[in-house]
Amino acid sequence: MDTPELDASGRPVTPRPLLRLTIDCADPRRLVAFWAEALRYVPEPPPEGHPTWRAYWEATGVSEDEPAGDAGEIPESIVDPEGRGPRVWFQQVPEPKTVKNRLHLDLKVGGGRAVPLAVRRARVDAEVARLTALGASVAYVMDEPQGMAYYAVVLQDPEGDEFCLV
């Protein structure tokens, strides 16, 4: 048996975790299309040599009955074409969204506090226009709360999941 590498405190050394996001949804096809455009990602292609993810799963021993419906026949995940951002998988679930998200995405499009507020606001508003044209809806605007020179817009994706543009 191999002996694990230990750190200075005697604990096994483990690689840094790789962040991947999983978003429960009713319609993966719809959210893949929206979020690929929103994040400037691309649908994740199946592994080389396989026409679909279902074909790949079956080749690795997954029963053809196991993936439900058309799972694996359509893109269900998106990836950053530059390889910097996390993979996002849209997992089809039978139950609808019923409450506010406990976790949401902040898309930093304004440039941060080093950028003048008027410029940040214009950048955020331009992205709001782009994303609402793709199917997002505006939930509310946070305009300089408590005099902090802060501007953000809370949106909902096509299935009602909240996210912010800052």
C-alpha atoms as a PDB file:
ATOM      1  CA  MET A   1       0.000   0.000   0.000  1.00  0.00           C
ATOM      2  CA  ASP A   2       1.270   3.492  -0.881  1.00  0.00           C
ATOM      3  CA  THR A   3       2.044   5.816   1.988  1.00  0.00           C
ATOM      4  CA  PRO A   4       0.326   9.210   1.591  1.00  0.00           C
ATOM      5  CA  GLU A   5       2.431  12.354   1.559  1.00  0.00           C
ATOM      6  CA  LEU A   6       2.012  14.224   4.858  1.00  0.00           C
ATOM      7  CA  ASP A   7       2.114  17.938   5.563  1.00  0.00           C
ATOM      8  CA  ALA A   8       4.080  19.524   8.428  1.00  0.00           C
ATOM      9  CA  SER A   9       1.285  18.725  10.902  1.00  0.00           C
ATOM     10  CA  GLY A  10       1.158  15.057   9.893  1.00  0.00           C
ATOM     11  CA  ARG A  11      -2.076  15.255   7.882  1.00  0.00           C
ATOM     12  CA  PRO A  12      -2.292  13.752   4.385  1.00  0.00           C
ATOM     13  CA  VAL A  13      -1.635  16.293   1.648  1.00  0.00           C
ATOM     14  CA  THR A  14      -4.681  16.725  -0.560  1.00  0.00           C
ATOM     15  CA  PRO A  15      -4.926  18.730  -3.752  1.00  0.00           C
ATOM     16  CA  ARG A  16      -6.639  22.105  -3.687  1.00  0.00           C
ATOM     17  CA  PRO A  17     -10.372  21.565  -4.316  1.00  0.00           C
ATOM     18  CA  LEU A  18     -11.630  22.412  -7.788  1.00  0.00           C
ATOM     19  CA  LEU A  19     -14.834  24.465  -7.678  1.00  0.00           C
ATOM     20  CA  ARG A  20     -17.704  23.238  -9.789  1.00  0.00           C
ATOM     21  CA  LEU A  21     -21.252  24.526  -9.527  1.00  0.00           C
ATOM     22  CA  THR A  22     -24.410  22.446  -9.752  1.00  0.00           C
ATOM     23  CA  ILE A  23     -27.702  24.244 -10.263  1.00  0.00           C
ATOM     24  CA  ASP A  24     -30.969  22.349  -9.878  1.00  0.00           C
ATOM     25  CA  CYS A  25     -33.455  23.215 -12.595  1.00  0.00           C
ATOM     26  CA  ALA A  26     -36.525  22.100 -14.528  1.00  0.00           C
ATOM     27  CA  ASP A  27     -35.096  22.682 -18.020  1.00  0.00           C
ATOM     28  CA  PRO A  28     -31.324  22.247 -18.470  1.00  0.00           C
ATOM     29  CA  ARG A  29     -31.504  23.161 -22.170  1.00  0.00           C
ATOM     30  CA  ARG A  30     -33.026  26.566 -21.361  1.00  0.00           C
ATOM     31  CA  LEU A  31     -30.518  27.386 -18.602  1.00  0.00           C
ATOM     32  CA  VAL A  32     -27.512  26.137 -20.597  1.00  0.00           C
ATOM     33  CA  ALA A  33     -28.486  28.539 -23.384  1.00  0.00           C
ATOM     34  CA  PHE A  34     -29.019  31.455 -20.994  1.00  0.00           C
ATOM     35  CA  TRP A  35     -25.982  30.983 -18.729  1.00  0.00           C
ATOM     36  CA  ALA A  36     -23.595  30.178 -21.587  1.00  0.00           C
ATOM     37  CA  GLU A  37     -24.409  33.607 -23.021  1.00  0.00           C
ATOM     38  CA  ALA A  38     -24.494  35.342 -19.622  1.00  0.00           C
ATOM     39  CA  LEU A  39     -21.054  34.036 -18.583  1.00  0.00           C
ATOM     40  CA  ARG A  40     -19.609  33.897 -22.106  1.00  0.00           C
ATOM     41  CA  TYR A  41     -19.115  30.156 -21.629  1.00  0.00           C
ATOM     42  CA  VAL A  42     -19.752  27.318 -24.077  1.00  0.00           C
ATOM     43  CA  PRO A  43     -21.779  24.122 -23.723  1.00  0.00           C
ATOM     44  CA  GLU A  44     -19.463  21.384 -22.483  1.00  0.00           C
ATOM     45  CA  PRO A  45     -18.823  18.885 -25.272  1.00  0.00           C
ATOM     46  CA  PRO A  46     -18.884  15.160 -24.538  1.00  0.00           C
ATOM     47  CA  PRO A  47     -15.526  13.431 -24.110  1.00  0.00           C
ATOM     48  CA  GLU A  48     -13.612  12.804 -27.328  1.00  0.00           C
ATOM     49  CA  GLY A  49     -14.821   9.792 -29.275  1.00  0.00           C
ATOM     50  CA  HIS A  50     -18.406   9.998 -27.975  1.00  0.00           C
ATOM     51  CA  PRO A  51     -21.240  11.779 -29.805  1.00  0.00           C
ATOM     52  CA  THR A  52     -23.131  12.506 -26.546  1.00  0.00           C
ATOM     53  CA  TRP A  53     -22.626  12.369 -22.799  1.00  0.00           C
ATOM     54  CA  ARG A  54     -25.127   9.470 -22.697  1.00  0.00           C
ATOM     55  CA  ALA A  55     -22.944   7.508 -25.133  1.00  0.00           C
ATOM     56  CA  TYR A  56     -19.926   8.232 -22.928  1.00  0.00           C
ATOM     57  CA  TRP A  57     -21.760   7.130 -19.769  1.00  0.00           C
ATOM     58  CA  GLU A  58     -22.890   3.902 -21.443  1.00  0.00           C
ATOM     59  CA  ALA A  59     -19.318   3.248 -22.637  1.00  0.00           C
ATOM     60  CA  THR A  60     -18.133   3.539 -19.020  1.00  0.00           C
ATOM     61  CA  GLY A  61     -20.700   1.023 -17.774  1.00  0.00           C
ATOM     62  CA  VAL A  62     -23.657   3.188 -16.777  1.00  0.00           C
ATOM     63  CA  SER A  63     -26.886   1.347 -17.583  1.00  0.00           C
ATOM     64  CA  GLU A  64     -28.798   2.853 -20.490  1.00  0.00           C
ATOM     65  CA  ASP A  65     -31.846   2.983 -18.191  1.00  0.00           C
ATOM     66  CA  GLU A  66     -30.101   5.004 -15.476  1.00  0.00           C
ATOM     67  CA  PRO A  67     -30.039   8.513 -16.976  1.00  0.00           C
ATOM     68  CA  ALA A  68     -33.665   9.674 -17.020  1.00  0.00           C
ATOM     69  CA  GLY A  69     -35.366  11.161 -20.048  1.00  0.00           C
ATOM     70  CA  ASP A  70     -33.021  12.819 -22.495  1.00  0.00           C
ATOM     71  CA  ALA A  71     -30.246  13.287 -19.924  1.00  0.00           C
ATOM     72  CA  GLY A  72     -26.939  13.219 -21.718  1.00  0.00           C
ATOM     73  CA  GLU A  73     -28.479  13.775 -25.135  1.00  0.00           C
ATOM     74  CA  ILE A  74     -28.433  17.554 -24.812  1.00  0.00           C
ATOM     75  CA  PRO A  75     -25.792  19.819 -23.267  1.00  0.00           C
ATOM     76  CA  GLU A  76     -26.367  19.994 -19.499  1.00  0.00           C
ATOM     77  CA  SER A  77     -23.198  21.803 -18.479  1.00  0.00           C
ATOM     78  CA  ILE A  78     -21.175  24.796 -19.548  1.00  0.00           C
ATOM     79  CA  VAL A  79     -17.476  25.539 -19.318  1.00  0.00           C
ATOM     80  CA  ASP A  80     -15.240  28.567 -19.583  1.00  0.00           C
ATOM     81  CA  PRO A  81     -13.594  28.366 -23.022  1.00  0.00           C
ATOM     82  CA  GLU A  82     -10.456  29.918 -21.486  1.00  0.00           C
ATOM     83  CA  GLY A  83     -10.387  27.320 -18.704  1.00  0.00           C
ATOM     84  CA  ARG A  84     -10.360  29.875 -15.872  1.00  0.00           C
ATOM     85  CA  GLY A  85     -13.871  29.678 -14.442  1.00  0.00           C
ATOM     86  CA  PRO A  86     -15.718  26.759 -12.863  1.00  0.00           C
ATOM     87  CA  ARG A  87     -17.759  24.208 -14.763  1.00  0.00           C
ATOM     88  CA  VAL A  88     -21.508  24.681 -14.234  1.00  0.00           C
ATOM     89  CA  TRP A  89     -23.859  21.685 -14.418  1.00  0.00           C
ATOM     90  CA  PHE A  90     -27.619  22.171 -14.708  1.00  0.00           C
ATOM     91  CA  GLN A  91     -29.156  19.177 -12.991  1.00  0.00           C
ATOM     92  CA  GLN A  92     -32.753  18.464 -13.926  1.00  0.00           C
ATOM     93  CA  VAL A  93     -34.903  17.887 -10.849  1.00  0.00           C
ATOM     94  CA  PRO A  94     -38.652  17.210 -10.583  1.00  0.00           C
ATOM     95  CA  GLU A  95     -39.457  19.786  -7.893  1.00  0.00           C
ATOM     96  CA  PRO A  96     -39.810  23.513  -8.676  1.00  0.00           C
ATOM     97  CA  LYS A  97     -37.897  26.308  -6.981  1.00  0.00           C
ATOM     98  CA  THR A  98     -39.950  27.356  -3.970  1.00  0.00           C
ATOM     99  CA  VAL A  99     -37.886  29.831  -1.911  1.00  0.00           C
ATOM    100  CA  LYS A 100     -35.177  32.447  -2.261  1.00  0.00           C
ATOM    101  CA  ASN A 101     -31.709  31.152  -3.126  1.00  0.00           C
ATOM    102  CA  ARG A 102     -29.398  30.567  -0.163  1.00  0.00           C
ATOM    103  CA  LEU A 103     -26.454  30.991  -2.537  1.00  0.00           C
ATOM    104  CA  HIS A 104     -26.332  33.278  -5.540  1.00  0.00           C
ATOM    105  CA  LEU A 105     -23.840  34.393  -8.155  1.00  0.00           C
ATOM    106  CA  ASP A 106     -22.416  37.908  -8.311  1.00  0.00           C
ATOM    107  CA  LEU A 107     -21.229  38.809 -11.791  1.00  0.00           C
ATOM    108  CA  LYS A 108     -18.694  41.602 -11.459  1.00  0.00           C
ATOM    109  CA  VAL A 109     -19.176  43.604 -14.629  1.00  0.00           C
ATOM    110  CA  GLY A 110     -18.760  47.163 -13.295  1.00  0.00           C
ATOM    111  CA  GLY A 111     -15.016  47.003 -12.721  1.00  0.00           C
ATOM    112  CA  GLY A 112     -14.844  47.410  -8.951  1.00  0.00           C
ATOM    113  CA  ARG A 113     -14.562  50.364  -6.609  1.00  0.00           C
ATOM    114  CA  ALA A 114     -11.516  51.819  -8.384  1.00  0.00           C
ATOM    115  CA  VAL A 115     -13.866  52.646 -11.286  1.00  0.00           C
ATOM    116  CA  PRO A 116     -16.021  55.791 -10.904  1.00  0.00           C
ATOM    117  CA  LEU A 117     -19.598  55.045  -9.834  1.00  0.00           C
ATOM    118  CA  ALA A 118     -21.091  56.553 -13.007  1.00  0.00           C
ATOM    119  CA  VAL A 119     -18.964  54.242 -15.167  1.00  0.00           C
ATOM    120  CA  ARG A 120     -19.832  51.183 -13.036  1.00  0.00           C
ATOM    121  CA  ARG A 121     -23.531  52.064 -13.241  1.00  0.00           C
ATOM    122  CA  ALA A 122     -23.357  52.389 -17.051  1.00  0.00           C
ATOM    123  CA  ARG A 123     -21.542  49.047 -17.366  1.00  0.00           C
ATOM    124  CA  VAL A 124     -24.006  47.267 -15.078  1.00  0.00           C
ATOM    125  CA  ASP A 125     -26.995  48.786 -16.883  1.00  0.00           C
ATOM    126  CA  ALA A 126     -25.602  47.716 -20.276  1.00  0.00           C
ATOM    127  CA  GLU A 127     -25.234  44.148 -18.998  1.00  0.00           C
ATOM    128  CA  VAL A 128     -28.762  44.269 -17.537  1.00  0.00           C
ATOM    129  CA  ALA A 129     -30.055  45.171 -21.003  1.00  0.00           C
ATOM    130  CA  ARG A 130     -28.090  42.313 -22.602  1.00  0.00           C
ATOM    131  CA  LEU A 131     -29.246  39.712 -20.076  1.00  0.00           C
ATOM    132  CA  THR A 132     -32.900  40.774 -20.000  1.00  0.00           C
ATOM    133  CA  ALA A 133     -32.901  40.386 -23.803  1.00  0.00           C
ATOM    134  CA  LEU A 134     -31.730  36.797 -23.202  1.00  0.00           C
ATOM    135  CA  GLY A 135     -34.552  36.030 -20.757  1.00  0.00           C
ATOM    136  CA  ALA A 136     -33.501  37.401 -17.359  1.00  0.00           C
ATOM    137  CA  SER A 137     -35.819  39.671 -15.402  1.00  0.00           C
ATOM    138  CA  VAL A 138     -34.971  42.511 -13.022  1.00  0.00           C
ATOM    139  CA  ALA A 139     -35.897  41.827  -9.394  1.00  0.00           C
ATOM    140  CA  TYR A 140     -34.651  45.110  -7.926  1.00  0.00           C
ATOM    141  CA  VAL A 141     -31.895  47.731  -8.037  1.00  0.00           C
ATOM    142  CA  MET A 142     -29.506  48.485  -5.165  1.00  0.00           C
ATOM    143  CA  ASP A 143     -28.445  52.083  -5.729  1.00  0.00           C
ATOM    144  CA  GLU A 144     -25.916  53.451  -3.197  1.00  0.00           C
ATOM    145  CA  PRO A 145     -27.271  51.747  -0.067  1.00  0.00           C
ATOM    146  CA  GLN A 146     -26.221  53.604   3.081  1.00  0.00           C
ATOM    147  CA  GLY A 147     -24.215  56.095   0.981  1.00  0.00           C
ATOM    148  CA  MET A 148     -21.550  53.524   0.066  1.00  0.00           C
ATOM    149  CA  ALA A 149     -21.283  54.505  -3.628  1.00  0.00           C
ATOM    150  CA  TYR A 150     -22.557  51.029  -4.455  1.00  0.00           C
ATOM    151  CA  TYR A 151     -24.636  50.040  -7.451  1.00  0.00           C
ATOM    152  CA  ALA A 152     -25.929  46.573  -8.283  1.00  0.00           C
ATOM    153  CA  VAL A 153     -28.935  45.050  -9.982  1.00  0.00           C
ATOM    154  CA  VAL A 154     -30.514  41.823  -8.776  1.00  0.00           C
ATOM    155  CA  LEU A 155     -31.816  39.722 -11.629  1.00  0.00           C
ATOM    156  CA  GLN A 156     -33.544  36.381 -11.989  1.00  0.00           C
ATOM    157  CA  ASP A 157     -32.576  33.827 -14.617  1.00  0.00           C
ATOM    158  CA  PRO A 158     -35.324  32.232 -16.768  1.00  0.00           C
ATOM    159  CA  GLU A 159     -36.223  29.820 -13.918  1.00  0.00           C
ATOM    160  CA  GLY A 160     -36.289  32.507 -11.211  1.00  0.00           C
ATOM    161  CA  ASP A 161     -32.838  31.972  -9.651  1.00  0.00           C
ATOM    162  CA  GLU A 162     -31.444  35.253  -8.310  1.00  0.00           C
ATOM    163  CA  PHE A 163     -28.055  36.654  -9.246  1.00  0.00           C
ATOM    164  CA  CYS A 164     -26.462  40.082  -9.033  1.00  0.00           C
ATOM    165  CA  LEU A 165     -24.667  42.308 -11.483  1.00  0.00           C
ATOM    166  CA  VAL A 166     -22.187  44.527  -9.639  1.00  0.00           C
END
